[in-house]
Every structure is written in C-alpha cells, then in structure tokens.
Amino acid sequence: MGTDCGTGSCCGCFCHKTIGILIVLFGLTFLLGHLGVISGELVGIIWPTLIVLGGLKKTFSGLCKCCDPK
C-alpha cells in the first residue's frame, strides 16, 4: 500500500495532495477576486481560511496511516 514517504515516492492518497490543493485554491481565490467574480470582502475571508487549513494539515500530517511504517 504505502511506500517510503521519506524518499518522495509517497502513495497517491488524498492526504498527500491536500497542500497542493490548498495552494491552487489560494491562487484561484485571488484570481477570481481580481476578475470580479467574487467580491473583495469574500477574498478577505477565503485566503486566511486556506492558510489556517494548510497550517492544520501540516500540524496533523503525522496522522497519515497509509505510509506509517509497521
């Protein structure tokens, strides 16, 4: 199932894709705000929320069971 995450060859489970997804959403938030699709007020709510979610992911990243050596 899981492989050695220390070598950079992690499995493809969702927990390993979360930070990348949050970065894409962060950029998309500012792009949509700049294009006027979402309001500046909403951008001001979304981007700090994404930063907090990314921090929580990093804080609890040791909880991944798929690559946990047994």
C-alpha atoms as a PDB file:
ATOM      1  CA  MET A   1       0.000   0.000   0.000  1.00  0.00           C
ATOM      2  CA  GLY A   2       2.140   2.850   1.287  1.00  0.00           C
ATOM      3  CA  THR A   3       5.706   3.425   0.298  1.00  0.00           C
ATOM      4  CA  ASP A   4       8.550   5.230   1.956  1.00  0.00           C
ATOM      5  CA  CYS A   5       7.413   8.862   2.145  1.00  0.00           C
ATOM      6  CA  GLY A   6      10.923   9.950   3.086  1.00  0.00           C
ATOM      7  CA  THR A   7      12.150   9.183  -0.420  1.00  0.00           C
ATOM      8  CA  GLY A   8       9.493  11.321  -2.093  1.00  0.00           C
ATOM      9  CA  SER A   9       7.646   8.323  -3.514  1.00  0.00           C
ATOM     10  CA  CYS A  10       4.510   8.640  -1.407  1.00  0.00           C
ATOM     11  CA  CYS A  11       1.282   6.955  -2.278  1.00  0.00           C
ATOM     12  CA  GLY A  12      -1.405   8.870  -4.131  1.00  0.00           C
ATOM     13  CA  CYS A  13      -3.919   9.123  -1.303  1.00  0.00           C
ATOM     14  CA  PHE A  14      -5.770  12.372  -0.649  1.00  0.00           C
ATOM     15  CA  CYS A  15      -3.776  13.257   2.479  1.00  0.00           C
ATOM     16  CA  HIS A  16      -0.655  13.761   0.340  1.00  0.00           C
ATOM     17  CA  LYS A  17      -2.452  16.054  -2.115  1.00  0.00           C
ATOM     18  CA  THR A  18      -4.041  18.425   0.403  1.00  0.00           C
ATOM     19  CA  ILE A  19      -1.317  21.099   0.471  1.00  0.00           C
ATOM     20  CA  GLY A  20      -1.202  21.275  -3.328  1.00  0.00           C
ATOM     21  CA  ILE A  21      -4.973  21.616  -3.500  1.00  0.00           C
ATOM     22  CA  LEU A  22      -4.898  24.408  -0.898  1.00  0.00           C
ATOM     23  CA  ILE A  23      -2.225  26.279  -2.888  1.00  0.00           C
ATOM     24  CA  VAL A  24      -4.324  26.046  -6.052  1.00  0.00           C
ATOM     25  CA  LEU A  25      -7.412  27.284  -4.180  1.00  0.00           C
ATOM     26  CA  PHE A  26      -5.363  30.149  -2.704  1.00  0.00           C
ATOM     27  CA  GLY A  27      -4.282  31.315  -6.154  1.00  0.00           C
ATOM     28  CA  LEU A  28      -7.740  30.795  -7.586  1.00  0.00           C
ATOM     29  CA  THR A  29      -9.230  32.933  -4.819  1.00  0.00           C
ATOM     30  CA  PHE A  30      -7.086  35.925  -5.782  1.00  0.00           C
ATOM     31  CA  LEU A  31      -7.617  35.363  -9.493  1.00  0.00           C
ATOM     32  CA  LEU A  32     -11.396  35.268  -9.133  1.00  0.00           C
ATOM     33  CA  GLY A  33     -11.279  38.329  -6.885  1.00  0.00           C
ATOM     34  CA  HIS A  34      -9.204  40.243  -9.415  1.00  0.00           C
ATOM     35  CA  LEU A  35     -11.547  39.263 -12.240  1.00  0.00           C
ATOM     36  CA  GLY A  36     -14.526  40.457 -10.205  1.00  0.00           C
ATOM     37  CA  VAL A  37     -16.161  37.038  -9.988  1.00  0.00           C
ATOM     38  CA  ILE A  38     -16.092  37.154  -6.191  1.00  0.00           C
ATOM     39  CA  SER A  39     -16.086  40.253  -4.020  1.00  0.00           C
ATOM     40  CA  GLY A  40     -13.030  41.643  -2.278  1.00  0.00           C
ATOM     41  CA  GLU A  41     -14.749  41.043   1.035  1.00  0.00           C
ATOM     42  CA  LEU A  42     -15.117  37.343   0.252  1.00  0.00           C
ATOM     43  CA  VAL A  43     -11.462  37.143  -0.834  1.00  0.00           C
ATOM     44  CA  GLY A  44     -10.589  38.626   2.570  1.00  0.00           C
ATOM     45  CA  ILE A  45     -12.394  35.743   4.243  1.00  0.00           C
ATOM     46  CA  ILE A  46     -11.270  32.892   1.995  1.00  0.00           C
ATOM     47  CA  TRP A  47      -7.485  33.398   1.885  1.00  0.00           C
ATOM     48  CA  PRO A  48      -6.879  33.405   5.656  1.00  0.00           C
ATOM     49  CA  THR A  49      -9.121  30.354   5.946  1.00  0.00           C
ATOM     50  CA  LEU A  50      -6.975  28.498   3.406  1.00  0.00           C
ATOM     51  CA  ILE A  51      -3.813  29.464   5.303  1.00  0.00           C
ATOM     52  CA  VAL A  52      -5.299  28.130   8.549  1.00  0.00           C
ATOM     53  CA  LEU A  53      -6.318  24.873   6.838  1.00  0.00           C
ATOM     54  CA  GLY A  54      -2.802  24.480   5.438  1.00  0.00           C
ATOM     55  CA  GLY A  55      -1.327  25.053   8.891  1.00  0.00           C
ATOM     56  CA  LEU A  56      -3.650  22.495  10.412  1.00  0.00           C
ATOM     57  CA  LYS A  57      -2.700  19.997   7.707  1.00  0.00           C
ATOM     58  CA  LYS A  58       0.991  20.488   8.453  1.00  0.00           C
ATOM     59  CA  THR A  59       0.376  20.246  12.193  1.00  0.00           C
ATOM     60  CA  PHE A  60      -1.500  16.972  11.955  1.00  0.00           C
ATOM     61  CA  SER A  61       0.365  15.489   8.977  1.00  0.00           C
ATOM     62  CA  GLY A  62       1.817  12.765  11.206  1.00  0.00           C
ATOM     63  CA  LEU A  63      -1.624  11.184  11.397  1.00  0.00           C
ATOM     64  CA  CYS A  64      -1.378   9.635   7.920  1.00  0.00           C
ATOM     65  CA  LYS A  65      -1.904   5.904   8.303  1.00  0.00           C
ATOM     66  CA  CYS A  66      -1.098   4.877   4.733  1.00  0.00           C
ATOM     67  CA  CYS A  67       2.649   5.485   4.961  1.00  0.00           C
ATOM     68  CA  ASP A  68       3.059   4.683   8.627  1.00  0.00           C
ATOM     69  CA  PRO A  69       5.789   2.016   8.910  1.00  0.00           C
ATOM     70  CA  LYS A  70       4.546  -1.039  10.775  1.00  0.00           C
END
